[in-house]
Structure formats: C-alpha cells, structure tokens
Amino acid sequence: MVMEYQQKKAIKIVLWTNVSKIEGTTFSLQSVSCSKNNRLSDLMNFEEQTFLPISDAKIYSATTNELIGETNFVNVNKRHIIMIAEAKK
C-alpha cells in the first residue's frame, strides 16, 4: 500500500489551559476539509480533530509559570484550551 504524503505547515504556538501553559510546535495539514491558508484558527475549527498534537512541548504551571516538564510529543484536547496564539519567532 502506497501512502500519499500530505504537505504540513509548522506553527509555533503557546496555549493555556486551566492548569498549564504549553509552548511547542503544531502542524496544519493541507486538505479539502481545511482552508488552504492553513491558519491556526482553521486548525482549531477543524471539528474532525478533537486533539491538538504538539511536538517539542514545554509545559509550565499556569499559576507560577514554573517549568513542569518537557516532552517530544503531547496531545491536548481542544475543549481544554482557554487561549492559543502563534508564538513569537
């Protein structure tokens, strides 16, 4: 079986939940379901994807901003995201 590669756009992000702030990289896929602009808002509004995959994540406490941990990959349920923005490069 041959798998077709989908073009990805890396997006550096910072997001907040009730308990944490996460900095890392997510990826938007070019597909017929998403806008060709591949904006962060398009990725958040893509209803078929419940979780937001984040690579090279740094996780901080939302209250103290203390680094809790780092991981190569974390999946965040989009329902728990309070705020998200593209990070400064």
Protein backbone atom coordinates (compact mmCIF):
# COMPACT_ATOMS: atom_id res chain seq x y z
CA MET A 1 0.00 0.00 0.00
CA VAL A 2 1.35 3.41 -1.01
CA MET A 3 0.65 6.26 1.38
CA GLU A 4 0.43 9.74 -0.02
CA TYR A 5 2.42 12.40 1.86
CA GLN A 6 0.45 15.45 2.92
CA GLN A 7 2.12 18.83 2.99
CA LYS A 8 2.40 20.19 6.55
CA LYS A 9 2.98 23.69 7.84
CA ALA A 10 4.76 24.02 11.20
CA ILE A 11 3.20 26.55 13.54
CA LYS A 12 4.99 27.64 16.74
CA ILE A 13 2.33 28.11 19.41
CA VAL A 14 1.70 28.94 23.03
CA LEU A 15 -1.56 27.80 24.64
CA TRP A 16 -3.17 27.96 28.05
CA THR A 17 -5.43 25.51 29.88
CA ASN A 18 -6.78 25.85 33.43
CA VAL A 19 -3.65 24.23 34.84
CA SER A 20 -0.85 24.78 32.36
CA LYS A 21 0.78 26.87 29.68
CA ILE A 22 2.29 24.88 26.80
CA GLU A 23 4.80 26.10 24.23
CA GLY A 24 5.64 23.99 21.21
CA THR A 25 5.01 23.27 17.55
CA THR A 26 1.83 22.03 15.92
CA PHE A 27 1.19 21.27 12.28
CA SER A 28 -1.67 22.13 9.96
CA LEU A 29 -2.42 19.79 7.08
CA GLN A 30 -3.49 20.91 3.65
CA SER A 31 -6.69 19.05 2.89
CA VAL A 32 -10.06 19.62 1.35
CA SER A 33 -11.55 19.96 4.85
CA CYS A 34 -9.25 22.80 5.90
CA SER A 35 -8.62 26.18 4.38
CA LYS A 36 -5.68 26.37 2.03
CA ASN A 37 -4.43 29.28 4.16
CA ASN A 38 -3.58 26.81 6.97
CA ARG A 39 -4.20 29.36 9.68
CA LEU A 40 -4.15 28.41 13.35
CA SER A 41 -7.85 29.31 13.55
CA ASP A 42 -8.59 26.82 10.74
CA LEU A 43 -6.81 24.09 12.70
CA MET A 44 -8.77 24.90 15.88
CA ASN A 45 -12.09 24.94 13.99
CA PHE A 46 -11.45 21.60 12.24
CA GLU A 47 -14.16 19.60 14.06
CA GLU A 48 -13.00 16.13 13.00
CA GLN A 49 -9.80 16.61 15.03
CA THR A 50 -10.56 16.61 18.79
CA PHE A 51 -6.95 16.76 19.93
CA LEU A 52 -4.20 19.22 19.05
CA PRO A 53 -0.85 17.43 18.59
CA ILE A 54 2.14 19.41 19.87
CA SER A 55 5.78 18.46 19.38
CA ASP A 56 8.82 19.73 21.31
CA ALA A 57 6.50 20.84 24.09
CA LYS A 58 7.49 22.76 27.20
CA ILE A 59 4.84 22.60 29.90
CA TYR A 60 4.60 25.32 32.55
CA SER A 61 2.35 25.82 35.57
CA ALA A 62 -0.42 28.27 34.70
CA THR A 63 -0.21 29.88 38.14
CA THR A 64 3.54 30.07 38.81
CA ASN A 65 4.91 29.86 35.24
CA GLU A 66 7.40 27.28 36.60
CA LEU A 67 8.61 24.69 34.06
CA ILE A 68 6.90 21.39 34.90
CA GLY A 69 8.40 19.31 32.13
CA GLU A 70 9.41 18.88 28.51
CA THR A 71 8.35 16.20 26.07
CA ASN A 72 8.77 15.35 22.40
CA PHE A 73 5.02 14.97 21.96
CA VAL A 74 1.79 15.78 23.76
CA ASN A 75 -1.83 15.68 22.60
CA VAL A 76 -4.09 18.37 24.08
CA ASN A 77 -7.86 18.05 23.99
CA LYS A 78 -9.07 21.22 22.25
CA ARG A 79 -12.00 21.55 24.68
CA HIS A 80 -9.50 22.31 27.46
CA ILE A 81 -7.74 25.12 25.62
CA ILE A 82 -8.64 28.53 27.06
CA MET A 83 -6.41 30.61 24.80
CA ILE A 84 -3.96 29.89 21.96
CA ALA A 85 -1.68 32.09 19.89
CA GLU A 86 1.17 31.83 17.46
CA ALA A 87 4.43 32.24 19.37
CA LYS A 88 6.95 34.93 18.59
CA LYS A 89 9.68 33.50 16.42
